[in-house]
Amino acid sequence: MKSTAQLTELRAKDIPALQTELDSLLKAHFNLRMQKGTQQLQNTSQLGNTKRAIARVRTLIQEKKAKG
């Protein structure tokens, strides 16, 4: 349910908004990787969640570019 609502919200955005969302997700993923490297990360499932969110946003960007 949560990802469906998130996907609906992302589909409503245009390409520049999706690009800023992607940038923030990439920064968050980098920070999580640094926390993991220094053994400060408590919840390791956050890494997978951000990777999936990045893939979701990249897929939507490609779909919107293909449509025109």
PDB file of N, CA and C in Angstrom:
ATOM      1  N   MET A   1       0.820  -1.204   0.000  1.00  0.00           N
ATOM      2  CA  MET A   1       0.000   0.000   0.000  1.00  0.00           C
ATOM      3  C   MET A   1       0.858   1.261   0.000  1.00  0.00           C
ATOM      4  N   LYS A   2       1.883   1.263   0.802  1.00  0.00           N
ATOM      5  CA  LYS A   2       2.708   2.453   0.922  1.00  0.00           C
ATOM      6  C   LYS A   2       3.381   2.797  -0.398  1.00  0.00           C
ATOM      7  N   SER A   3       3.923   1.789  -1.086  1.00  0.00           N
ATOM      8  CA  SER A   3       4.613   2.065  -2.339  1.00  0.00           C
ATOM      9  C   SER A   3       3.632   2.483  -3.435  1.00  0.00           C
ATOM     10  N   THR A   4       2.393   1.997  -3.386  1.00  0.00           N
ATOM     11  CA  THR A   4       1.392   2.387  -4.374  1.00  0.00           C
ATOM     12  C   THR A   4       1.064   3.869  -4.240  1.00  0.00           C
ATOM     13  N   ALA A   5       0.908   4.328  -3.015  1.00  0.00           N
ATOM     14  CA  ALA A   5       0.635   5.747  -2.790  1.00  0.00           C
ATOM     15  C   ALA A   5       1.840   6.584  -3.202  1.00  0.00           C
ATOM     16  N   GLN A   6       3.026   6.087  -2.915  1.00  0.00           N
ATOM     17  CA  GLN A   6       4.237   6.798  -3.293  1.00  0.00           C
ATOM     18  C   GLN A   6       4.373   6.864  -4.812  1.00  0.00           C
ATOM     19  N   LEU A   7       4.047   5.782  -5.484  1.00  0.00           N
ATOM     20  CA  LEU A   7       4.131   5.741  -6.937  1.00  0.00           C
ATOM     21  C   LEU A   7       3.131   6.707  -7.567  1.00  0.00           C
ATOM     22  N   THR A   8       1.940   6.769  -7.035  1.00  0.00           N
ATOM     23  CA  THR A   8       0.926   7.699  -7.541  1.00  0.00           C
ATOM     24  C   THR A   8       1.402   9.132  -7.377  1.00  0.00           C
ATOM     25  N   GLU A   9       2.008   9.409  -6.247  1.00  0.00           N
ATOM     26  CA  GLU A   9       2.527  10.749  -5.982  1.00  0.00           C
ATOM     27  C   GLU A   9       3.662  11.092  -6.956  1.00  0.00           C
ATOM     28  N   LEU A  10       4.529  10.130  -7.229  1.00  0.00           N
ATOM     29  CA  LEU A  10       5.639  10.369  -8.145  1.00  0.00           C
ATOM     30  C   LEU A  10       5.170  10.542  -9.585  1.00  0.00           C
ATOM     31  N   ARG A  11       4.150   9.796  -9.986  1.00  0.00           N
ATOM     32  CA  ARG A  11       3.639   9.904 -11.360  1.00  0.00           C
ATOM     33  C   ARG A  11       3.058  11.285 -11.638  1.00  0.00           C
ATOM     34  N   ALA A  12       2.604  11.978 -10.609  1.00  0.00           N
ATOM     35  CA  ALA A  12       2.015  13.296 -10.790  1.00  0.00           C
ATOM     36  C   ALA A  12       3.074  14.372 -11.038  1.00  0.00           C
ATOM     37  N   LYS A  13       4.333  14.076 -10.742  1.00  0.00           N
ATOM     38  CA  LYS A  13       5.400  15.063 -10.889  1.00  0.00           C
ATOM     39  C   LYS A  13       5.902  15.101 -12.326  1.00  0.00           C
ATOM     40  N   ASP A  14       6.472  16.262 -12.699  1.00  0.00           N
ATOM     41  CA  ASP A  14       7.078  16.375 -14.017  1.00  0.00           C
ATOM     42  C   ASP A  14       8.557  15.979 -13.941  1.00  0.00           C
ATOM     43  N   ILE A  15       9.222  15.980 -15.086  1.00  0.00           N
ATOM     44  CA  ILE A  15      10.598  15.479 -15.150  1.00  0.00           C
ATOM     45  C   ILE A  15      11.564  16.281 -14.262  1.00  0.00           C
ATOM     46  N   PRO A  16      11.532  17.616 -14.261  1.00  0.00           N
ATOM     47  CA  PRO A  16      12.467  18.334 -13.370  1.00  0.00           C
ATOM     48  C   PRO A  16      12.238  18.023 -11.884  1.00  0.00           C
ATOM     49  N   ALA A  17      10.982  17.859 -11.492  1.00  0.00           N
ATOM     50  CA  ALA A  17      10.696  17.512 -10.100  1.00  0.00           C
ATOM     51  C   ALA A  17      11.188  16.109  -9.779  1.00  0.00           C
ATOM     52  N   LEU A  18      11.040  15.202 -10.732  1.00  0.00           N
ATOM     53  CA  LEU A  18      11.552  13.848 -10.538  1.00  0.00           C
ATOM     54  C   LEU A  18      13.076  13.850 -10.469  1.00  0.00           C
ATOM     55  N   GLN A  19      13.705  14.728 -11.230  1.00  0.00           N
ATOM     56  CA  GLN A  19      15.158  14.813 -11.213  1.00  0.00           C
ATOM     57  C   GLN A  19      15.657  15.300  -9.853  1.00  0.00           C
ATOM     58  N   THR A  20      14.969  16.284  -9.256  1.00  0.00           N
ATOM     59  CA  THR A  20      15.369  16.753  -7.924  1.00  0.00           C
ATOM     60  C   THR A  20      15.118  15.668  -6.879  1.00  0.00           C
ATOM     61  N   GLU A  21      14.046  14.921  -7.045  1.00  0.00           N
ATOM     62  CA  GLU A  21      13.761  13.799  -6.143  1.00  0.00           C
ATOM     63  C   GLU A  21      14.864  12.743  -6.256  1.00  0.00           C
ATOM     64  N   LEU A  22      15.306  12.476  -7.473  1.00  0.00           N
ATOM     65  CA  LEU A  22      16.382  11.513  -7.698  1.00  0.00           C
ATOM     66  C   LEU A  22      17.678  11.995  -7.050  1.00  0.00           C
ATOM     67  N   ASP A  23      17.977  13.280  -7.187  1.00  0.00           N
ATOM     68  CA  ASP A  23      19.188  13.826  -6.578  1.00  0.00           C
ATOM     69  C   ASP A  23      19.166  13.666  -5.061  1.00  0.00           C
ATOM     70  N   SER A  24      18.025  13.940  -4.453  1.00  0.00           N
ATOM     71  CA  SER A  24      17.941  13.814  -2.993  1.00  0.00           C
ATOM     72  C   SER A  24      18.036  12.353  -2.560  1.00  0.00           C
ATOM     73  N   LEU A  25      17.467  11.450  -3.347  1.00  0.00           N
ATOM     74  CA  LEU A  25      17.571  10.026  -3.023  1.00  0.00           C
ATOM     75  C   LEU A  25      19.001   9.519  -3.163  1.00  0.00           C
ATOM     76  N   LEU A  26      19.709  10.003  -4.179  1.00  0.00           N
ATOM     77  CA  LEU A  26      21.099   9.591  -4.363  1.00  0.00           C
ATOM     78  C   LEU A  26      21.973  10.088  -3.213  1.00  0.00           C
ATOM     79  N   LYS A  27      21.714  11.313  -2.744  1.00  0.00           N
ATOM     80  CA  LYS A  27      22.463  11.842  -1.594  1.00  0.00           C
ATOM     81  C   LYS A  27      22.155  11.041  -0.336  1.00  0.00           C
ATOM     82  N   ALA A  28      20.890  10.708  -0.155  1.00  0.00           N
ATOM     83  CA  ALA A  28      20.502   9.914   1.014  1.00  0.00           C
ATOM     84  C   ALA A  28      21.147   8.538   0.970  1.00  0.00           C
ATOM     85  N   HIS A  29      21.183   7.927  -0.226  1.00  0.00           N
ATOM     86  CA  HIS A  29      21.800   6.610  -0.366  1.00  0.00           C
ATOM     87  C   HIS A  29      23.302   6.676  -0.081  1.00  0.00           C
ATOM     88  N   PHE A  30      23.946   7.742  -0.542  1.00  0.00           N
ATOM     89  CA  PHE A  30      25.371   7.919  -0.265  1.00  0.00           C
ATOM     90  C   PHE A  30      25.615   8.032   1.232  1.00  0.00           C
ATOM     91  N   ASN A  31      24.792   8.835   1.907  1.00  0.00           N
ATOM     92  CA  ASN A  31      24.937   8.997   3.356  1.00  0.00           C
ATOM     93  C   ASN A  31      24.727   7.677   4.090  1.00  0.00           C
ATOM     94  N   LEU A  32      23.770   6.885   3.639  1.00  0.00           N
ATOM     95  CA  LEU A  32      23.530   5.587   4.265  1.00  0.00           C
ATOM     96  C   LEU A  32      24.724   4.653   4.056  1.00  0.00           C
ATOM     97  N   ARG A  33      25.315   4.699   2.867  1.00  0.00           N
ATOM     98  CA  ARG A  33      26.491   3.861   2.618  1.00  0.00           C
ATOM     99  C   ARG A  33      27.669   4.276   3.487  1.00  0.00           C
ATOM    100  N   MET A  34      27.819   5.577   3.709  1.00  0.00           N
ATOM    101  CA  MET A  34      28.901   6.047   4.577  1.00  0.00           C
ATOM    102  C   MET A  34      28.648   5.617   6.027  1.00  0.00           C
ATOM    103  N   GLN A  35      27.401   5.682   6.451  1.00  0.00           N
ATOM    104  CA  GLN A  35      27.060   5.234   7.804  1.00  0.00           C
ATOM    105  C   GLN A  35      27.321   3.744   7.960  1.00  0.00           C
ATOM    106  N   LYS A  36      27.021   2.977   6.923  1.00  0.00           N
ATOM    107  CA  LYS A  36      27.278   1.545   6.978  1.00  0.00           C
ATOM    108  C   LYS A  36      28.775   1.275   7.053  1.00  0.00           C
ATOM    109  N   GLY A  37      29.548   2.034   6.282  1.00  0.00           N
ATOM    110  CA  GLY A  37      30.992   1.861   6.276  1.00  0.00           C
ATOM    111  C   GLY A  37      31.649   2.179   7.600  1.00  0.00           C
ATOM    112  N   THR A  38      31.090   3.132   8.330  1.00  0.00           N
ATOM    113  CA  THR A  38      31.630   3.499   9.636  1.00  0.00           C
ATOM    114  C   THR A  38      30.899   2.790  10.768  1.00  0.00           C
ATOM    115  N   GLN A  39      30.053   1.836  10.417  1.00  0.00           N
ATOM    116  CA  GLN A  39      29.288   1.019  11.360  1.00  0.00           C
ATOM    117  C   GLN A  39      28.398   1.855  12.285  1.00  0.00           C
ATOM    118  N   GLN A  40      27.802   2.896  11.719  1.00  0.00           N
ATOM    119  CA  GLN A  40      26.866   3.730  12.471  1.00  0.00           C
ATOM    120  C   GLN A  40      25.421   3.490  12.047  1.00  0.00           C
ATOM    121  N   LEU A  41      25.220   2.689  11.009  1.00  0.00           N
ATOM    122  CA  LEU A  41      23.877   2.453  10.475  1.00  0.00           C
ATOM    123  C   LEU A  41      23.162   1.413  11.328  1.00  0.00           C
ATOM    124  N   GLN A  42      22.026   1.787  11.879  1.00  0.00           N
ATOM    125  CA  GLN A  42      21.254   0.899  12.738  1.00  0.00           C
ATOM    126  C   GLN A  42      20.317   0.016  11.926  1.00  0.00           C
ATOM    127  N   ASN A  43      19.619   0.612  10.971  1.00  0.00           N
ATOM    128  CA  ASN A  43      18.616  -0.106  10.190  1.00  0.00           C
ATOM    129  C   ASN A  43      19.141  -0.303   8.765  1.00  0.00           C
ATOM    130  N   THR A  44      19.697  -1.469   8.505  1.00  0.00           N
ATOM    131  CA  THR A  44      20.311  -1.710   7.202  1.00  0.00           C
ATOM    132  C   THR A  44      19.297  -1.871   6.077  1.00  0.00           C
ATOM    133  N   SER A  45      18.047  -2.075   6.395  1.00  0.00           N
ATOM    134  CA  SER A  45      17.031  -2.203   5.346  1.00  0.00           C
ATOM    135  C   SER A  45      16.796  -0.882   4.629  1.00  0.00           C
ATOM    136  N   GLN A  46      17.246   0.214   5.214  1.00  0.00           N
ATOM    137  CA  GLN A  46      17.099   1.514   4.568  1.00  0.00           C
ATOM    138  C   GLN A  46      17.871   1.568   3.252  1.00  0.00           C
ATOM    139  N   LEU A  47      18.983   0.854   3.185  1.00  0.00           N
ATOM    140  CA  LEU A  47      19.775   0.829   1.955  1.00  0.00           C
ATOM    141  C   LEU A  47      18.961   0.252   0.796  1.00  0.00           C
ATOM    142  N   GLY A  48      18.323  -0.869   1.023  1.00  0.00           N
ATOM    143  CA  GLY A  48      17.506  -1.486  -0.022  1.00  0.00           C
ATOM    144  C   GLY A  48      16.316  -0.638  -0.400  1.00  0.00           C
ATOM    145  N   ASN A  49      15.720   0.001   0.601  1.00  0.00           N
ATOM    146  CA  ASN A  49      14.560   0.854   0.329  1.00  0.00           C
ATOM    147  C   ASN A  49      14.932   2.038  -0.543  1.00  0.00           C
ATOM    148  N   THR A  50      16.080   2.657  -0.270  1.00  0.00           N
ATOM    149  CA  THR A  50      16.480   3.797  -1.089  1.00  0.00           C
ATOM    150  C   THR A  50      16.877   3.358  -2.488  1.00  0.00           C
ATOM    151  N   LYS A  51      17.503   2.173  -2.617  1.00  0.00           N
ATOM    152  CA  LYS A  51      17.847   1.672  -3.945  1.00  0.00           C
ATOM    153  C   LYS A  51      16.591   1.437  -4.772  1.00  0.00           C
ATOM    154  N   ARG A  52      15.557   0.881  -4.151  1.00  0.00           N
ATOM    155  CA  ARG A  52      14.302   0.649  -4.863  1.00  0.00           C
ATOM    156  C   ARG A  52      13.632   1.963  -5.252  1.00  0.00           C
ATOM    157  N   ALA A  53      13.694   2.944  -4.354  1.00  0.00           N
ATOM    158  CA  ALA A  53      13.098   4.255  -4.647  1.00  0.00           C
ATOM    159  C   ALA A  53      13.843   4.931  -5.799  1.00  0.00           C
ATOM    160  N   ILE A  54      15.173   4.799  -5.822  1.00  0.00           N
ATOM    161  CA  ILE A  54      15.956   5.366  -6.913  1.00  0.00           C
ATOM    162  C   ILE A  54      15.560   4.709  -8.228  1.00  0.00           C
ATOM    163  N   ALA A  55      15.445   3.400  -8.237  1.00  0.00           N
ATOM    164  CA  ALA A  55      15.056   2.683  -9.454  1.00  0.00           C
ATOM    165  C   ALA A  55      13.654   3.090  -9.899  1.00  0.00           C
ATOM    166  N   ARG A  56      12.763   3.279  -8.948  1.00  0.00           N
ATOM    167  CA  ARG A  56      11.389   3.685  -9.259  1.00  0.00           C
ATOM    168  C   ARG A  56      11.382   5.042  -9.951  1.00  0.00           C
ATOM    169  N   VAL A  57      12.143   5.988  -9.406  1.00  0.00           N
ATOM    170  CA  VAL A  57      12.175   7.338  -9.972  1.00  0.00           C
ATOM    171  C   VAL A  57      12.840   7.321 -11.346  1.00  0.00           C
ATOM    172  N   ARG A  58      13.936   6.576 -11.487  1.00  0.00           N
ATOM    173  CA  ARG A  58      14.605   6.497 -12.783  1.00  0.00           C
ATOM    174  C   ARG A  58      13.682   5.887 -13.840  1.00  0.00           C
ATOM    175  N   THR A  59      12.903   4.901 -13.460  1.00  0.00           N
ATOM    176  CA  THR A  59      11.962   4.276 -14.389  1.00  0.00           C
ATOM    177  C   THR A  59      10.904   5.282 -14.830  1.00  0.00           C
ATOM    178  N   LEU A  60      10.386   6.063 -13.897  1.00  0.00           N
ATOM    179  CA  LEU A  60       9.376   7.058 -14.246  1.00  0.00           C
ATOM    180  C   LEU A  60       9.942   8.137 -15.154  1.00  0.00           C
ATOM    181  N   ILE A  61      11.189   8.536 -14.913  1.00  0.00           N
ATOM    182  CA  ILE A  61      11.823   9.530 -15.772  1.00  0.00           C
ATOM    183  C   ILE A  61      11.931   8.984 -17.196  1.00  0.00           C
ATOM    184  N   GLN A  62      12.358   7.737 -17.326  1.00  0.00           N
ATOM    185  CA  GLN A  62      12.481   7.129 -18.655  1.00  0.00           C
ATOM    186  C   GLN A  62      11.122   7.005 -19.340  1.00  0.00           C
ATOM    187  N   GLU A  63      10.093   6.656 -18.593  1.00  0.00           N
ATOM    188  CA  GLU A  63       8.739   6.558 -19.161  1.00  0.00           C
ATOM    189  C   GLU A  63       8.269   7.898 -19.687  1.00  0.00           C
ATOM    190  N   LYS A  64       8.502   8.956 -18.897  1.00  0.00           N
ATOM    191  CA  LYS A  64       8.050  10.284 -19.308  1.00  0.00           C
ATOM    192  C   LYS A  64       8.839  10.786 -20.510  1.00  0.00           C
ATOM    193  N   LYS A  65      10.129  10.466 -20.576  1.00  0.00           N
ATOM    194  CA  LYS A  65      10.925  10.860 -21.732  1.00  0.00           C
ATOM    195  C   LYS A  65      10.472  10.114 -22.993  1.00  0.00           C
ATOM    196  N   ALA A  66      10.088   8.875 -22.841  1.00  0.00           N
ATOM    197  CA  ALA A  66       9.652   8.078 -23.991  1.00  0.00           C
ATOM    198  C   ALA A  66       8.320   8.592 -24.543  1.00  0.00           C
ATOM    199  N   LYS A  67       7.460   9.086 -23.659  1.00  0.00           N
ATOM    200  CA  LYS A  67       6.167   9.586 -24.100  1.00  0.00           C
ATOM    201  C   LYS A  67       6.306  10.895 -24.872  1.00  0.00           C
ATOM    202  N   GLY A  68       7.338  11.655 -24.554  1.00  0.00           N
ATOM    203  CA  GLY A  68       7.531  12.870 -25.323  1.00  0.00           C
ATOM    204  C   GLY A  68       7.750  13.993 -24.474  1.00  0.00           C
TER     205      GLY A  68
END
